[in-house]
N, C-alpha and C. Protein backbone atom coordinates (compact mmCIF):
# COMPACT_ATOMS: atom_id res chain seq x y z
N UNK A 1 -55.21 1.49 61.32
CA UNK A 1 -55.47 -0.07 61.07
C UNK A 1 -55.79 0.16 59.51
N UNK A 2 -55.39 -0.93 58.96
CA UNK A 2 -55.28 -1.25 57.65
C UNK A 2 -55.88 -2.69 57.04
N UNK A 3 -57.17 -2.70 56.32
CA UNK A 3 -57.87 -4.16 56.03
C UNK A 3 -58.44 -3.97 54.79
N UNK A 4 -59.30 -5.09 54.59
CA UNK A 4 -59.60 -5.40 53.29
C UNK A 4 -59.04 -5.40 52.36
N UNK A 5 -57.80 -6.02 52.32
CA UNK A 5 -57.08 -5.85 51.12
C UNK A 5 -55.80 -7.05 51.43
N UNK A 6 -55.21 -7.43 50.57
CA UNK A 6 -54.09 -8.50 50.31
C UNK A 6 -52.81 -7.81 51.05
N UNK A 7 -52.04 -8.76 51.20
CA UNK A 7 -50.61 -8.32 51.87
C UNK A 7 -49.92 -7.56 51.07
N UNK A 8 -49.87 -7.90 49.88
CA UNK A 8 -49.19 -6.94 48.73
C UNK A 8 -49.74 -5.71 48.53
N UNK A 9 -51.16 -5.21 48.84
CA UNK A 9 -51.77 -3.96 48.67
C UNK A 9 -51.37 -3.13 50.13
N UNK A 10 -51.18 -4.16 51.25
CA UNK A 10 -50.57 -3.54 52.43
C UNK A 10 -49.85 -3.07 52.46
N UNK A 11 -48.33 -3.95 51.70
CA UNK A 11 -47.15 -3.56 51.62
C UNK A 11 -47.02 -2.04 50.88
N UNK A 12 -47.64 -1.76 49.83
CA UNK A 12 -47.75 -0.45 48.86
C UNK A 12 -48.23 0.45 49.85
N UNK A 13 -49.39 0.34 50.77
CA UNK A 13 -49.59 1.38 51.58
C UNK A 13 -48.84 1.89 52.79
N UNK A 14 -48.39 0.52 53.03
CA UNK A 14 -47.35 1.27 54.47
C UNK A 14 -46.21 1.68 53.85
N UNK A 15 -45.74 1.27 52.87
CA UNK A 15 -44.55 1.54 52.30
C UNK A 15 -44.41 3.01 51.82
N UNK A 16 -45.48 3.62 51.66
CA UNK A 16 -45.56 4.97 51.44
C UNK A 16 -45.52 5.44 52.62
N UNK A 17 -46.59 5.05 54.07
CA UNK A 17 -46.53 5.72 55.29
C UNK A 17 -45.25 5.71 55.76
N UNK A 18 -44.57 4.66 55.71
CA UNK A 18 -43.16 4.71 56.39
C UNK A 18 -42.19 5.23 55.76
N UNK A 19 -42.39 5.44 54.75
CA UNK A 19 -41.26 6.42 53.84
C UNK A 19 -41.35 7.67 54.23
N UNK A 20 -42.42 8.49 54.85
CA UNK A 20 -42.98 9.62 55.20
C UNK A 20 -42.71 9.65 56.96
N UNK A 21 -43.20 9.09 57.52
CA UNK A 21 -43.36 9.06 59.24
C UNK A 21 -42.53 7.92 59.69
N UNK A 22 -41.92 8.26 60.92
CA UNK A 22 -41.36 7.10 61.80
C UNK A 22 -42.61 6.66 62.15
N UNK A 23 -42.46 5.06 62.14
CA UNK A 23 -43.46 4.11 62.89
C UNK A 23 -42.83 3.18 63.86
N UNK A 24 -43.57 2.58 64.48
CA UNK A 24 -43.29 1.63 65.39
C UNK A 24 -42.86 0.22 64.94
N UNK A 25 -42.98 0.30 63.65
CA UNK A 25 -42.46 -1.14 62.91
C UNK A 25 -41.30 -0.68 62.05
N UNK A 26 -40.57 -1.46 61.59
CA UNK A 26 -39.27 -1.37 61.03
C UNK A 26 -39.69 -1.52 59.08
N UNK A 27 -39.33 -0.37 58.57
CA UNK A 27 -39.65 -0.58 57.27
C UNK A 27 -39.77 -1.88 56.23
N UNK A 28 -38.50 -2.48 56.81
CA UNK A 28 -38.40 -3.74 55.85
C UNK A 28 -39.44 -4.74 56.45
N UNK A 29 -40.26 -4.65 57.33
CA UNK A 29 -41.16 -5.49 57.69
C UNK A 29 -42.07 -5.90 56.80
N UNK A 30 -42.39 -7.15 56.55
CA UNK A 30 -43.35 -7.55 55.25
C UNK A 30 -44.80 -7.97 55.83
N UNK A 31 -45.66 -7.05 55.52
CA UNK A 31 -47.07 -7.88 55.75
C UNK A 31 -47.18 -9.04 55.27
N UNK A 32 -48.08 -9.91 55.91
CA UNK A 32 -48.36 -10.96 55.66
C UNK A 32 -49.54 -11.56 56.01
N UNK A 33 -50.12 -12.57 55.51
CA UNK A 33 -51.68 -13.20 55.65
C UNK A 33 -51.71 -13.98 57.06
N UNK A 34 -52.60 -14.12 57.51
CA UNK A 34 -52.34 -14.82 58.98
C UNK A 34 -52.47 -16.13 58.29
N UNK A 35 -53.39 -16.56 57.39
CA UNK A 35 -53.58 -18.15 56.99
C UNK A 35 -54.66 -18.68 57.65
N UNK A 36 -55.28 -18.21 58.80
CA UNK A 36 -56.18 -18.67 59.32
C UNK A 36 -57.59 -18.62 58.52
N UNK A 37 -57.79 -18.14 57.39
CA UNK A 37 -58.73 -17.94 56.65
C UNK A 37 -59.60 -16.88 57.26
N UNK A 38 -59.27 -16.30 58.13
CA UNK A 38 -60.08 -15.19 58.56
C UNK A 38 -59.19 -14.02 58.30
N UNK A 39 -60.32 -12.69 58.13
CA UNK A 39 -59.97 -11.28 57.67
C UNK A 39 -58.43 -10.99 58.62
N UNK A 40 -57.49 -10.58 57.64
CA UNK A 40 -56.45 -9.93 58.41
C UNK A 40 -56.27 -8.16 58.61
N UNK A 41 -56.00 -7.74 59.74
CA UNK A 41 -55.75 -6.11 59.76
C UNK A 41 -54.35 -5.82 60.27
N UNK A 42 -53.87 -5.02 59.68
CA UNK A 42 -52.50 -4.45 59.95
C UNK A 42 -52.65 -3.21 60.70
N UNK A 43 -51.61 -3.34 61.73
CA UNK A 43 -51.98 -1.98 62.39
C UNK A 43 -50.51 -1.47 62.77
N UNK A 44 -50.39 -0.13 62.49
CA UNK A 44 -49.34 0.53 62.71
C UNK A 44 -49.44 1.61 63.39
N UNK A 45 -48.46 2.21 64.25
CA UNK A 45 -48.56 3.46 64.91
C UNK A 45 -47.55 4.25 64.45
N UNK A 46 -47.81 5.79 63.71
CA UNK A 46 -47.24 6.55 62.90
C UNK A 46 -46.77 7.81 63.82
N UNK A 47 -45.62 8.33 63.89
CA UNK A 47 -45.37 9.74 64.74
C UNK A 47 -45.36 10.68 63.50
N UNK A 48 -46.66 11.52 63.60
CA UNK A 48 -46.92 12.37 62.61
C UNK A 48 -46.71 13.63 62.97
N UNK A 49 -45.86 14.01 64.18
CA UNK A 49 -45.70 15.38 64.97
C UNK A 49 -44.98 16.16 64.30
N UNK A 50 -44.13 15.99 63.24
CA UNK A 50 -43.25 16.61 62.46
C UNK A 50 -43.88 16.89 61.21
N UNK A 51 -43.58 17.62 60.02
CA UNK A 51 -43.98 17.58 58.58
C UNK A 51 -43.39 16.24 58.06
N UNK A 52 -44.49 15.82 57.40
CA UNK A 52 -44.03 14.46 56.30
C UNK A 52 -42.75 14.56 55.81
N UNK A 53 -41.43 13.74 56.10
CA UNK A 53 -40.14 13.99 55.45
C UNK A 53 -40.09 12.57 54.89
N UNK A 54 -38.81 12.63 54.22
CA UNK A 54 -38.43 11.28 53.48
C UNK A 54 -39.32 11.43 52.22
N UNK A 55 -39.13 10.29 51.41
CA UNK A 55 -39.91 10.38 50.11
C UNK A 55 -40.50 8.54 50.20
N UNK A 56 -41.67 8.32 49.95
CA UNK A 56 -42.63 7.33 49.89
C UNK A 56 -41.88 5.97 48.57
N UNK A 57 -41.11 6.61 47.90
CA UNK A 57 -40.78 5.58 46.89
C UNK A 57 -41.94 5.32 46.08
N UNK A 58 -41.29 4.05 44.64
CA UNK A 58 -42.49 4.21 43.94
C UNK A 58 -43.68 3.63 44.66
N UNK A 59 -44.95 4.01 44.08
CA UNK A 59 -46.03 3.45 44.71
C UNK A 59 -46.52 2.32 44.01
N UNK A 60 -46.73 1.11 44.66
CA UNK A 60 -47.19 0.04 43.61
C UNK A 60 -48.54 0.19 43.63
N UNK A 61 -49.18 -0.56 42.59
CA UNK A 61 -50.69 -0.25 41.87
C UNK A 61 -51.18 -1.48 42.86
N UNK A 62 -52.57 -0.75 43.43
CA UNK A 62 -53.73 -1.60 44.46
C UNK A 62 -54.08 -2.66 43.67
N UNK A 63 -54.15 -3.75 44.11
CA UNK A 63 -55.49 -4.66 43.26
C UNK A 63 -56.74 -4.77 43.80
N UNK A 64 -56.71 -4.21 45.08
CA UNK A 64 -58.21 -3.74 45.54
C UNK A 64 -58.19 -2.33 46.14
N UNK A 65 -58.94 -2.27 47.12
CA UNK A 65 -59.58 -0.97 47.57
C UNK A 65 -59.15 -1.29 49.09
N UNK A 66 -58.03 -1.19 49.81
CA UNK A 66 -57.93 -1.01 51.06
C UNK A 66 -58.60 -0.03 51.78
N UNK A 67 -59.10 -0.50 53.15
CA UNK A 67 -59.44 0.58 54.06
C UNK A 67 -58.84 0.69 55.28
N UNK A 68 -58.39 2.26 55.51
CA UNK A 68 -57.63 2.59 56.57
C UNK A 68 -58.54 3.25 57.56
N UNK A 69 -58.46 3.09 58.71
CA UNK A 69 -58.98 3.37 60.13
C UNK A 69 -58.18 4.23 60.67
N UNK A 70 -58.06 5.72 60.91
CA UNK A 70 -56.99 5.98 61.83
C UNK A 70 -57.82 7.10 62.61
N UNK A 71 -56.90 7.20 63.87
CA UNK A 71 -57.58 8.07 64.95
C UNK A 71 -56.60 8.97 65.51
N UNK A 72 -56.69 10.30 65.87
CA UNK A 72 -55.44 10.86 66.35
C UNK A 72 -55.84 12.32 66.26
N UNK A 73 -54.99 13.26 66.49
CA UNK A 73 -55.30 14.63 66.76
C UNK A 73 -55.56 14.91 65.61
N UNK A 74 -56.28 16.31 65.36
CA UNK A 74 -56.88 17.03 64.15
C UNK A 74 -55.68 16.75 62.96
N UNK A 75 -54.69 17.66 63.68
CA UNK A 75 -53.35 17.53 62.68
C UNK A 75 -52.75 16.08 62.03
N UNK A 76 -52.51 15.46 62.92
CA UNK A 76 -51.87 14.21 63.01
C UNK A 76 -52.66 13.13 61.52
N UNK A 77 -54.24 13.41 61.89
CA UNK A 77 -55.21 12.63 60.62
C UNK A 77 -54.92 13.46 59.46
N UNK A 78 -54.95 14.73 59.45
CA UNK A 78 -54.80 15.56 58.49
C UNK A 78 -53.48 15.24 57.42
N UNK A 79 -52.49 15.18 58.24
CA UNK A 79 -51.23 14.91 57.91
C UNK A 79 -50.93 13.37 56.90
N UNK A 80 -51.79 12.28 57.62
CA UNK A 80 -51.95 10.84 57.33
C UNK A 80 -52.24 10.99 56.34
N UNK A 81 -53.75 11.75 56.29
CA UNK A 81 -54.72 11.75 54.77
C UNK A 81 -53.75 12.46 53.63
N UNK A 82 -52.98 13.49 54.15
CA UNK A 82 -52.28 14.10 52.92
C UNK A 82 -51.01 13.28 51.92
N UNK A 83 -50.66 12.34 52.96
CA UNK A 83 -49.55 11.68 52.40
C UNK A 83 -50.33 10.45 51.38
N UNK A 84 -51.44 10.03 52.17
CA UNK A 84 -52.44 8.62 51.42
C UNK A 84 -52.49 9.46 50.06
N UNK A 85 -53.05 10.91 50.05
CA UNK A 85 -53.88 11.15 48.65
C UNK A 85 -52.40 11.64 48.03
N UNK A 86 -51.58 11.94 48.32
CA UNK A 86 -50.73 12.19 47.21
C UNK A 86 -50.02 10.97 46.45
N UNK A 87 -50.57 9.75 46.99
CA UNK A 87 -50.04 8.42 46.35
C UNK A 87 -51.28 7.76 45.66
N UNK A 88 -52.54 8.20 46.28
CA UNK A 88 -53.77 6.98 45.87
C UNK A 88 -55.38 8.20 45.91
N UNK A 89 -56.01 7.56 45.23
CA UNK A 89 -57.37 8.18 45.33
C UNK A 89 -57.67 7.83 46.73
N UNK A 90 -58.31 8.66 47.65
CA UNK A 90 -58.91 8.47 48.98
C UNK A 90 -60.32 8.91 48.87
N UNK A 91 -61.17 8.04 49.07
CA UNK A 91 -62.61 8.14 49.28
C UNK A 91 -62.99 8.04 50.71
N UNK A 92 -63.23 9.19 51.45
CA UNK A 92 -63.76 9.15 52.81
C UNK A 92 -65.00 8.29 53.07
N UNK A 93 -65.18 7.52 53.91
CA UNK A 93 -65.97 6.64 54.01
C UNK A 93 -66.67 7.57 55.70
N UNK A 94 -66.18 8.07 56.07
CA UNK A 94 -66.68 8.65 57.66
C UNK A 94 -65.41 9.34 58.52
N UNK A 95 -65.81 10.29 58.89
CA UNK A 95 -65.27 11.08 59.99
C UNK A 95 -66.00 11.47 61.39
N UNK A 96 -65.38 11.26 62.24
CA UNK A 96 -65.83 11.63 63.63
C UNK A 96 -64.98 12.24 64.02
N UNK A 97 -65.30 13.40 64.46
CA UNK A 97 -64.39 14.18 65.50
C UNK A 97 -64.93 14.67 67.00
N UNK A 98 -63.96 14.35 67.98
CA UNK A 98 -64.19 14.44 69.38
C UNK A 98 -63.51 15.68 69.73
N UNK A 99 -63.41 16.00 71.13
CA UNK A 99 -62.74 17.34 71.66
C UNK A 99 -61.45 17.16 70.94
N UNK A 100 -60.42 16.16 71.18
CA UNK A 100 -59.20 16.36 70.90
C UNK A 100 -58.87 15.14 69.82
N UNK A 101 -59.67 14.56 69.32
CA UNK A 101 -59.38 13.16 68.68
C UNK A 101 -60.15 13.31 67.49
N UNK A 102 -59.99 12.88 66.59
CA UNK A 102 -60.58 12.73 65.06
C UNK A 102 -60.24 11.16 64.74
N UNK A 103 -61.51 10.21 64.36
CA UNK A 103 -61.42 8.92 63.64
C UNK A 103 -61.57 9.24 62.51
N UNK A 104 -60.99 8.40 61.62
CA UNK A 104 -61.49 9.02 60.02
C UNK A 104 -61.48 7.25 59.55
N UNK A 105 -62.38 7.00 58.38
CA UNK A 105 -62.15 5.82 57.78
C UNK A 105 -61.94 6.03 56.27
N UNK A 106 -61.35 5.86 55.53
CA UNK A 106 -60.87 6.16 54.51
C UNK A 106 -60.61 4.63 53.49
N UNK A 107 -61.39 4.72 52.03
CA UNK A 107 -61.03 3.45 50.96
C UNK A 107 -60.10 4.14 50.09
N UNK A 108 -58.76 3.44 49.59
CA UNK A 108 -58.06 3.88 48.71
C UNK A 108 -58.12 3.06 47.63
N UNK A 109 -57.59 3.78 46.45
CA UNK A 109 -57.57 2.99 45.35
C UNK A 109 -56.51 3.74 44.27
N UNK A 110 -56.05 3.00 43.16
CA UNK A 110 -54.75 3.51 42.86
C UNK A 110 -55.49 4.00 41.30
N UNK A 111 -55.04 5.64 41.01
CA UNK A 111 -55.42 6.11 39.88
C UNK A 111 -54.42 7.22 39.68
N UNK A 112 -54.50 7.82 38.48
CA UNK A 112 -53.64 8.33 37.91
C UNK A 112 -54.04 10.08 38.39
N UNK A 113 -55.14 10.12 38.66
CA UNK A 113 -56.05 11.37 39.07
C UNK A 113 -56.07 10.99 40.53
N UNK A 114 -55.18 11.30 41.14
CA UNK A 114 -55.21 11.44 42.67
C UNK A 114 -56.03 12.66 43.11
N UNK A 115 -57.06 12.30 43.74
CA UNK A 115 -58.16 13.12 44.30
C UNK A 115 -58.54 12.68 45.54
N UNK A 116 -59.06 13.81 46.36
CA UNK A 116 -59.68 13.35 47.76
C UNK A 116 -61.19 13.68 47.23
N UNK A 117 -62.22 12.88 47.59
CA UNK A 117 -63.53 12.60 47.56
C UNK A 117 -64.22 12.29 48.48
N UNK A 118 -65.72 12.33 48.62
CA UNK A 118 -66.38 11.67 49.37
C UNK A 118 -67.09 10.36 48.90
N UNK A 119 -67.39 9.42 49.76
CA UNK A 119 -67.95 8.24 48.68
C UNK A 119 -69.24 8.22 49.32
C-alpha cells in the first residue's frame, strides 16, 4: 500500500517497483486521485519471488514523503526494500515479524544520498 502522497509521487514510486517486479497492474496504469477529498491509498501486489529484473528507468523527484506499507515473506519484503533504497532514501517507521510474514512501514524521500535508516 502506498499513501500520504500525491498521484505524481505515487507514479514515481510505482514506476520504480513495476520496473523491477511483475505486478497485478499494468505499468501504464496511471495513479489518480479519487477526488472525494478523502485520503487516497494505492495498492499493488508485486511478485518478488525472483531476483529483481529490468530497470526502473528515471526516478522522478518526490514532492512529499510517501509512506509504503508492505507485507509478505522476509525475502520478499527485503527485496522490495532494496529496490526502494536504490531509488529513494528509506526511513524505517516500523517492522513487525511473525512466523512467516513481515509487515513493514517505510517513509520515502528524494535524496542524492540514498541510504536506509531508522526514523
